[in-house]
Amino acid sequence: MIIVRDDLVYLFEILGSPTAGSWDETRLRKKIEVLPLNVTEETDAEECQDLLDAILVSISEEEEIQIIEVLPEDQKPLIETHFKNKDGSRRKAGVIQTLVEFLQEASEADPLSKTDLCNKVLERLPNKTEKSVLSSIDSQVPTRLKQVKGIIVQKNKNGYWID
């Protein structure tokens, strides 16, 4: 398994280690080794849950874990692969997946503002509240999508899109 260092640091920060960014590779590896002892099935790693699950599977299968600074371009997974269950089936659409889908449909000539994104998400997911959707948009677009999922969101004065 290959893990981008920044993604791993972000996971540990979510799990309650605010100084993870200052850890060297040796300390990160030690923290990975004891990770199964420090998490339970109820542990909520928020948007890093997929990474946490993948690490735990790799540990249980005794798979080597490599920590790299940046994932090479030719190994970056397609956007669609970010929203798959462990068995490869497509995950039920949530707010973040819906945001990515709408941003993919947008373009530089026709970008989406955060308000437009919110309205589209609310149309598709009527059980969500405007406040929760706006909160997700504010936290995910554009920074966290890039940090956690490796999805680069473009922006200009009119809005956002994914090339």
Protein backbone atom coordinates (compact mmCIF):
# COMPACT_ATOMS: atom_id res chain seq x y z
CA MET A 1 0.00 0.00 0.00
CA ILE A 2 1.24 3.48 -0.85
CA ILE A 3 0.17 6.41 1.33
CA VAL A 4 0.83 10.07 0.67
CA ARG A 5 2.41 11.53 3.82
CA ASP A 6 0.03 14.52 3.99
CA ASP A 7 -2.99 12.20 3.87
CA LEU A 8 -1.55 10.10 6.69
CA VAL A 9 -0.80 13.19 8.78
CA TYR A 10 -4.34 14.47 8.23
CA LEU A 11 -5.76 11.10 9.35
CA PHE A 12 -3.76 11.22 12.59
CA GLU A 13 -4.85 14.82 13.18
CA ILE A 14 -8.51 13.78 12.84
CA LEU A 15 -7.84 10.91 15.24
CA GLY A 16 -6.64 13.39 17.87
CA SER A 17 -2.93 13.96 17.25
CA PRO A 18 -2.61 17.67 16.38
CA THR A 19 1.20 17.49 16.18
CA ALA A 20 1.25 14.73 13.54
CA GLY A 21 2.55 17.18 10.93
CA SER A 22 5.85 17.42 12.79
CA TRP A 23 6.40 13.65 12.99
CA ASP A 24 9.19 12.08 10.96
CA GLU A 25 8.69 8.89 8.95
CA THR A 26 9.93 6.66 11.79
CA ARG A 27 7.32 8.04 14.19
CA LEU A 28 4.59 7.81 11.55
CA ARG A 29 5.48 4.13 11.01
CA LYS A 30 5.34 3.44 14.76
CA LYS A 31 1.93 5.13 14.94
CA ILE A 32 0.71 3.01 12.02
CA GLU A 33 1.87 -0.16 13.80
CA VAL A 34 -0.17 0.61 16.92
CA LEU A 35 -3.16 2.01 15.03
CA PRO A 36 -5.22 -1.22 15.38
CA LEU A 37 -4.84 -0.96 19.16
CA ASN A 38 -6.07 2.63 19.22
CA VAL A 39 -9.19 2.45 17.03
CA THR A 40 -12.44 0.54 17.20
CA GLU A 41 -15.25 -0.06 14.74
CA GLU A 42 -16.92 3.02 16.21
CA THR A 43 -13.93 5.26 15.49
CA ASP A 44 -15.04 8.05 13.14
CA ALA A 45 -12.21 9.22 10.91
CA GLU A 46 -14.58 11.55 9.04
CA GLU A 47 -13.49 11.97 5.41
CA CYS A 48 -10.36 9.86 6.08
CA GLN A 49 -12.38 6.75 6.95
CA ASP A 50 -11.44 5.03 3.66
CA LEU A 51 -7.75 5.60 4.35
CA LEU A 52 -8.08 4.30 7.91
CA ASP A 53 -9.92 1.20 6.70
CA ALA A 54 -7.32 0.57 3.97
CA ILE A 55 -4.46 0.88 6.48
CA LEU A 56 -6.14 -1.54 8.88
CA VAL A 57 -6.69 -4.06 6.07
CA SER A 58 -3.06 -3.73 4.96
CA ILE A 59 -1.86 -4.30 8.53
CA SER A 60 -4.09 -7.35 8.97
CA GLU A 61 -2.86 -8.79 5.67
CA GLU A 62 0.76 -7.92 6.60
CA GLU A 63 1.08 -5.84 3.44
CA GLU A 64 4.01 -3.45 3.25
CA ILE A 65 3.01 0.20 3.71
CA GLN A 66 5.06 2.83 1.88
CA ILE A 67 4.89 6.49 2.86
CA ILE A 68 5.65 8.88 0.00
CA GLU A 69 5.66 12.66 -0.24
CA VAL A 70 3.53 12.98 -3.39
CA LEU A 71 1.72 10.37 -5.44
CA PRO A 72 3.18 10.19 -8.97
CA GLU A 73 0.80 11.40 -11.73
CA ASP A 74 0.56 7.98 -13.35
CA GLN A 75 -0.57 6.37 -10.07
CA LYS A 76 -3.25 8.90 -9.17
CA PRO A 77 -6.59 7.11 -9.11
CA LEU A 78 -9.43 8.46 -11.19
CA ILE A 79 -11.97 10.60 -9.40
CA GLU A 80 -14.53 7.83 -9.69
CA THR A 81 -12.39 5.41 -7.68
CA HIS A 82 -12.65 7.61 -4.60
CA PHE A 83 -16.24 6.60 -4.07
CA LYS A 84 -16.15 2.81 -4.10
CA ASN A 85 -16.88 0.34 -1.35
CA LYS A 86 -14.26 -2.23 -0.39
CA ASP A 87 -15.91 -4.79 -2.67
CA GLY A 88 -15.60 -2.41 -5.65
CA SER A 89 -19.27 -1.52 -5.85
CA ARG A 90 -20.27 2.12 -6.07
CA ARG A 91 -20.89 3.74 -2.71
CA LYS A 92 -24.28 5.31 -1.99
CA ALA A 93 -24.03 8.96 -2.98
CA GLY A 94 -23.46 11.38 -0.14
CA VAL A 95 -22.80 15.10 -0.02
CA ILE A 96 -19.11 14.92 -0.93
CA GLN A 97 -19.62 12.50 -3.82
CA THR A 98 -22.48 14.65 -5.08
CA LEU A 99 -20.30 17.77 -4.88
CA VAL A 100 -17.62 16.07 -6.97
CA GLU A 101 -20.16 14.94 -9.57
CA PHE A 102 -21.58 18.45 -9.96
CA LEU A 103 -18.11 20.01 -10.07
CA GLN A 104 -17.13 17.57 -12.83
CA GLU A 105 -20.13 18.73 -14.86
CA ALA A 106 -19.10 22.38 -14.43
CA SER A 107 -16.40 24.04 -16.52
CA GLU A 108 -14.25 27.14 -16.59
CA ALA A 109 -16.81 28.75 -18.90
CA ASP A 110 -19.70 27.66 -16.67
CA PRO A 111 -18.42 27.25 -13.07
CA LEU A 112 -20.61 26.65 -10.02
CA SER A 113 -20.71 29.03 -7.07
CA LYS A 114 -21.00 27.60 -3.57
CA THR A 115 -24.66 28.71 -3.49
CA ASP A 116 -25.37 26.94 -6.80
CA LEU A 117 -23.63 23.82 -5.49
CA CYS A 118 -25.71 23.92 -2.32
CA ASN A 119 -28.97 24.23 -4.25
CA LYS A 120 -28.07 21.33 -6.57
CA VAL A 121 -27.06 19.09 -3.64
CA LEU A 122 -30.28 19.91 -1.79
CA GLU A 123 -32.30 18.97 -4.89
CA ARG A 124 -30.56 15.60 -5.08
CA LEU A 125 -30.40 14.96 -1.32
CA PRO A 126 -33.59 16.50 0.14
CA ASN A 127 -33.02 14.91 3.56
CA LYS A 128 -30.01 17.21 4.12
CA THR A 129 -30.30 20.68 5.62
CA GLU A 130 -28.99 23.79 3.92
CA LYS A 131 -26.76 24.49 6.91
CA SER A 132 -25.12 21.04 6.81
CA VAL A 133 -24.61 21.14 3.04
CA LEU A 134 -23.06 24.63 3.17
CA SER A 135 -20.81 23.45 5.98
CA SER A 136 -19.65 20.50 3.87
CA ILE A 137 -19.07 22.74 0.86
CA ASP A 138 -17.10 25.27 2.90
CA SER A 139 -14.90 22.56 4.41
CA GLN A 140 -14.41 20.48 1.24
CA VAL A 141 -14.20 22.91 -1.69
CA PRO A 142 -11.46 23.34 -2.82
CA THR A 143 -8.85 22.53 -0.17
CA ARG A 144 -9.91 19.34 1.57
CA LEU A 145 -10.91 17.59 -1.66
CA LYS A 146 -7.31 18.09 -2.78
CA GLN A 147 -5.75 17.13 0.57
CA VAL A 148 -7.81 14.05 1.27
CA LYS A 149 -8.95 12.79 -2.11
CA GLY A 150 -6.30 14.25 -4.41
CA ILE A 151 -9.03 15.94 -6.44
CA ILE A 152 -7.93 19.31 -7.79
CA VAL A 153 -10.75 21.84 -7.88
CA GLN A 154 -10.20 24.84 -10.15
CA LYS A 155 -11.69 28.23 -9.35
CA ASN A 156 -12.14 31.70 -10.71
CA LYS A 157 -14.18 34.71 -9.58
CA ASN A 158 -17.42 33.05 -10.76
CA GLY A 159 -17.09 29.67 -9.09
CA TYR A 160 -15.54 26.20 -9.06
CA TRP A 161 -15.12 23.21 -11.38
CA ILE A 162 -13.06 20.04 -11.86
CA ASP A 163 -11.21 19.57 -15.17
